[in-house]
Amino acid sequence: MRLVNGKYVAARRDDGWVKSHVFGRSFRLTCRKDVKDVSQFNLETK
C-alpha cells in the first residue's frame, strides 16, 4: 500500500514482488503447506 492524494492504494506488483518506496526494497510473501498440512509463510526481500 502507498499513500496517493490522501488515500491508500495497492502497490504495483512485478512477478509477485511488491516494491516499497518507503524501505527502498521489494517484498514477496509466499505460503506453502508443510508435511503436517500446516501453512508456512515466508517473507522474501530483494
PDB file of N, CA and C in Angstrom:
ATOM      1  N   MET A   1       0.843  -1.171   0.000  1.00  0.00           N
ATOM      2  CA  MET A   1       0.000   0.000   0.000  1.00  0.00           C
ATOM      3  C   MET A   1       0.889   1.236   0.000  1.00  0.00           C
ATOM      4  N   ARG A   2       0.373   2.241  -0.665  1.00  0.00           N
ATOM      5  CA  ARG A   2       1.073   3.521  -0.639  1.00  0.00           C
ATOM      6  C   ARG A   2       0.051   4.634  -0.621  1.00  0.00           C
ATOM      7  N   LEU A   3       0.443   5.772  -0.123  1.00  0.00           N
ATOM      8  CA  LEU A   3      -0.453   6.911   0.028  1.00  0.00           C
ATOM      9  C   LEU A   3      -0.384   7.785  -1.215  1.00  0.00           C
ATOM     10  N   VAL A   4      -1.534   7.980  -1.862  1.00  0.00           N
ATOM     11  CA  VAL A   4      -1.631   8.809  -3.063  1.00  0.00           C
ATOM     12  C   VAL A   4      -2.816   9.748  -2.888  1.00  0.00           C
ATOM     13  N   ASN A   5      -2.555  11.041  -2.933  1.00  0.00           N
ATOM     14  CA  ASN A   5      -3.621  12.049  -2.796  1.00  0.00           C
ATOM     15  C   ASN A   5      -4.486  11.824  -1.548  1.00  0.00           C
ATOM     16  N   GLY A   6      -3.841  11.454  -0.443  1.00  0.00           N
ATOM     17  CA  GLY A   6      -4.542  11.270   0.823  1.00  0.00           C
ATOM     18  C   GLY A   6      -5.263   9.943   0.961  1.00  0.00           C
ATOM     19  N   LYS A   7      -5.126   9.043  -0.030  1.00  0.00           N
ATOM     20  CA  LYS A   7      -5.770   7.730   0.031  1.00  0.00           C
ATOM     21  C   LYS A   7      -4.729   6.639  -0.188  1.00  0.00           C
ATOM     22  N   TYR A   8      -4.946   5.485   0.449  1.00  0.00           N
ATOM     23  CA  TYR A   8      -4.044   4.353   0.259  1.00  0.00           C
ATOM     24  C   TYR A   8      -4.484   3.540  -0.949  1.00  0.00           C
ATOM     25  N   VAL A   9      -3.529   3.207  -1.802  1.00  0.00           N
ATOM     26  CA  VAL A   9      -3.794   2.382  -2.980  1.00  0.00           C
ATOM     27  C   VAL A   9      -2.802   1.220  -2.989  1.00  0.00           C
ATOM     28  N   ALA A  10      -3.171   0.149  -3.686  1.00  0.00           N
ATOM     29  CA  ALA A  10      -2.295  -1.023  -3.766  1.00  0.00           C
ATOM     30  C   ALA A  10      -1.027  -0.685  -4.537  1.00  0.00           C
ATOM     31  N   ALA A  11       0.093  -1.195  -4.066  1.00  0.00           N
ATOM     32  CA  ALA A  11       1.372  -1.001  -4.751  1.00  0.00           C
ATOM     33  C   ALA A  11       1.411  -1.892  -5.985  1.00  0.00           C
ATOM     34  N   ARG A  12       2.136  -1.466  -6.983  1.00  0.00           N
ATOM     35  CA  ARG A  12       2.271  -2.238  -8.216  1.00  0.00           C
ATOM     36  C   ARG A  12       3.097  -3.494  -7.970  1.00  0.00           C
ATOM     37  N   ARG A  13       2.695  -4.615  -8.584  1.00  0.00           N
ATOM     38  CA  ARG A  13       3.411  -5.880  -8.436  1.00  0.00           C
ATOM     39  C   ARG A  13       4.214  -6.174  -9.692  1.00  0.00           C
ATOM     40  N   ASP A  14       5.355  -6.794  -9.489  1.00  0.00           N
ATOM     41  CA  ASP A  14       6.199  -7.219 -10.600  1.00  0.00           C
ATOM     42  C   ASP A  14       6.547  -8.688 -10.375  1.00  0.00           C
ATOM     43  N   ASP A  15       5.816  -9.583 -11.026  1.00  0.00           N
ATOM     44  CA  ASP A  15       6.037 -11.027 -10.899  1.00  0.00           C
ATOM     45  C   ASP A  15       5.932 -11.483  -9.438  1.00  0.00           C
ATOM     46  N   GLY A  16       4.946 -10.963  -8.711  1.00  0.00           N
ATOM     47  CA  GLY A  16       4.728 -11.343  -7.323  1.00  0.00           C
ATOM     48  C   GLY A  16       5.458 -10.472  -6.316  1.00  0.00           C
ATOM     49  N   TRP A  17       6.365  -9.629  -6.769  1.00  0.00           N
ATOM     50  CA  TRP A  17       7.128  -8.746  -5.892  1.00  0.00           C
ATOM     51  C   TRP A  17       6.429  -7.389  -5.800  1.00  0.00           C
ATOM     52  N   VAL A  18       6.386  -6.819  -4.581  1.00  0.00           N
ATOM     53  CA  VAL A  18       5.797  -5.507  -4.356  1.00  0.00           C
ATOM     54  C   VAL A  18       6.911  -4.569  -3.912  1.00  0.00           C
ATOM     55  N   LYS A  19       7.093  -3.465  -4.648  1.00  0.00           N
ATOM     56  CA  LYS A  19       8.165  -2.524  -4.327  1.00  0.00           C
ATOM     57  C   LYS A  19       7.691  -1.528  -3.275  1.00  0.00           C
ATOM     58  N   SER A  20       8.517  -1.338  -2.260  1.00  0.00           N
ATOM     59  CA  SER A  20       8.244  -0.356  -1.215  1.00  0.00           C
ATOM     60  C   SER A  20       9.126   0.861  -1.438  1.00  0.00           C
ATOM     61  N   HIS A  21       8.486   2.010  -1.654  1.00  0.00           N
ATOM     62  CA  HIS A  21       9.253   3.253  -1.793  1.00  0.00           C
ATOM     63  C   HIS A  21       9.748   3.730  -0.431  1.00  0.00           C
ATOM     64  N   VAL A  22       9.070   3.314   0.633  1.00  0.00           N
ATOM     65  CA  VAL A  22       9.470   3.693   1.989  1.00  0.00           C
ATOM     66  C   VAL A  22      10.771   2.991   2.375  1.00  0.00           C
ATOM     67  N   PHE A  23      10.866   1.672   2.115  1.00  0.00           N
ATOM     68  CA  PHE A  23      12.033   0.895   2.506  1.00  0.00           C
ATOM     69  C   PHE A  23      13.065   0.763   1.393  1.00  0.00           C
ATOM     70  N   GLY A  24      12.681   1.128   0.166  1.00  0.00           N
ATOM     71  CA  GLY A  24      13.610   1.033  -0.952  1.00  0.00           C
ATOM     72  C   GLY A  24      13.952  -0.395  -1.329  1.00  0.00           C
ATOM     73  N   ARG A  25      13.034  -1.325  -1.058  1.00  0.00           N
ATOM     74  CA  ARG A  25      13.239  -2.738  -1.365  1.00  0.00           C
ATOM     75  C   ARG A  25      11.946  -3.313  -1.911  1.00  0.00           C
ATOM     76  N   SER A  26      12.029  -4.524  -2.432  1.00  0.00           N
ATOM     77  CA  SER A  26      10.844  -5.244  -2.891  1.00  0.00           C
ATOM     78  C   SER A  26      10.600  -6.430  -1.967  1.00  0.00           C
ATOM     79  N   PHE A  27       9.309  -6.775  -1.798  1.00  0.00           N
ATOM     80  CA  PHE A  27       8.917  -7.835  -0.885  1.00  0.00           C
ATOM     81  C   PHE A  27       7.978  -8.806  -1.587  1.00  0.00           C
ATOM     82  N   ARG A  28       8.028 -10.080  -1.152  1.00  0.00           N
ATOM     83  CA  ARG A  28       7.111 -11.097  -1.651  1.00  0.00           C
ATOM     84  C   ARG A  28       6.790 -12.043  -0.499  1.00  0.00           C
ATOM     85  N   LEU A  29       5.500 -12.293  -0.282  1.00  0.00           N
ATOM     86  CA  LEU A  29       5.052 -13.217   0.749  1.00  0.00           C
ATOM     87  C   LEU A  29       4.574 -14.491   0.067  1.00  0.00           C
ATOM     88  N   THR A  30       5.179 -15.617   0.439  1.00  0.00           N
ATOM     89  CA  THR A  30       4.782 -16.898  -0.129  1.00  0.00           C
ATOM     90  C   THR A  30       4.264 -17.802   0.982  1.00  0.00           C
ATOM     91  N   CYS A  31       3.419 -18.750   0.597  1.00  0.00           N
ATOM     92  CA  CYS A  31       2.830 -19.678   1.554  1.00  0.00           C
ATOM     93  C   CYS A  31       2.906 -21.088   0.982  1.00  0.00           C
ATOM     94  N   ARG A  32       3.233 -22.044   1.847  1.00  0.00           N
ATOM     95  CA  ARG A  32       3.215 -23.451   1.439  1.00  0.00           C
ATOM     96  C   ARG A  32       2.816 -24.275   2.653  1.00  0.00           C
ATOM     97  N   LYS A  33       2.333 -25.467   2.396  1.00  0.00           N
ATOM     98  CA  LYS A  33       1.934 -26.381   3.478  1.00  0.00           C
ATOM     99  C   LYS A  33       3.100 -27.310   3.796  1.00  0.00           C
ATOM    100  N   ASP A  34       3.329 -27.547   5.082  1.00  0.00           N
ATOM    101  CA  ASP A  34       4.383 -28.483   5.467  1.00  0.00           C
ATOM    102  C   ASP A  34       3.822 -29.905   5.481  1.00  0.00           C
ATOM    103  N   VAL A  35       4.609 -30.865   5.934  1.00  0.00           N
ATOM    104  CA  VAL A  35       4.194 -32.276   5.918  1.00  0.00           C
ATOM    105  C   VAL A  35       2.993 -32.542   6.824  1.00  0.00           C
ATOM    106  N   LYS A  36       2.767 -31.669   7.801  1.00  0.00           N
ATOM    107  CA  LYS A  36       1.614 -31.814   8.695  1.00  0.00           C
ATOM    108  C   LYS A  36       0.416 -30.996   8.212  1.00  0.00           C
ATOM    109  N   ASP A  37       0.503 -30.466   6.983  1.00  0.00           N
ATOM    110  CA  ASP A  37      -0.550 -29.660   6.355  1.00  0.00           C
ATOM    111  C   ASP A  37      -0.790 -28.334   7.082  1.00  0.00           C
ATOM    112  N   VAL A  38       0.262 -27.804   7.697  1.00  0.00           N
ATOM    113  CA  VAL A  38       0.209 -26.510   8.367  1.00  0.00           C
ATOM    114  C   VAL A  38       0.832 -25.468   7.433  1.00  0.00           C
ATOM    115  N   SER A  39       0.171 -24.338   7.297  1.00  0.00           N
ATOM    116  CA  SER A  39       0.676 -23.284   6.420  1.00  0.00           C
ATOM    117  C   SER A  39       1.962 -22.685   6.977  1.00  0.00           C
ATOM    118  N   GLN A  40       2.956 -22.555   6.106  1.00  0.00           N
ATOM    119  CA  GLN A  40       4.233 -21.937   6.452  1.00  0.00           C
ATOM    120  C   GLN A  40       4.413 -20.723   5.546  1.00  0.00           C
ATOM    121  N   PHE A  41       4.620 -19.557   6.136  1.00  0.00           N
ATOM    122  CA  PHE A  41       4.753 -18.323   5.381  1.00  0.00           C
ATOM    123  C   PHE A  41       6.226 -17.885   5.340  1.00  0.00           C
ATOM    124  N   ASN A  42       6.622 -17.320   4.229  1.00  0.00           N
ATOM    125  CA  ASN A  42       7.987 -16.851   4.059  1.00  0.00           C
ATOM    126  C   ASN A  42       7.957 -15.458   3.434  1.00  0.00           C
ATOM    127  N   LEU A  43       8.582 -14.496   4.098  1.00  0.00           N
ATOM    128  CA  LEU A  43       8.688 -13.134   3.564  1.00  0.00           C
ATOM    129  C   LEU A  43      10.073 -12.970   2.950  1.00  0.00           C
ATOM    130  N   GLU A  44      10.106 -12.733   1.646  1.00  0.00           N
ATOM    131  CA  GLU A  44      11.373 -12.569   0.938  1.00  0.00           C
ATOM    132  C   GLU A  44      11.577 -11.093   0.617  1.00  0.00           C
ATOM    133  N   THR A  45      12.831 -10.684   0.557  1.00  0.00           N
ATOM    134  CA  THR A  45      13.171  -9.307   0.177  1.00  0.00           C
ATOM    135  C   THR A  45      14.249  -9.329  -0.889  1.00  0.00           C
ATOM    136  N   LYS A  46      14.241  -8.291  -1.712  1.00  0.00           N
ATOM    137  CA  LYS A  46      15.325  -8.122  -2.675  1.00  0.00           C
ATOM    138  C   LYS A  46      15.536  -6.658  -2.931  1.00  0.00           C
TER     139      LYS A  46
END
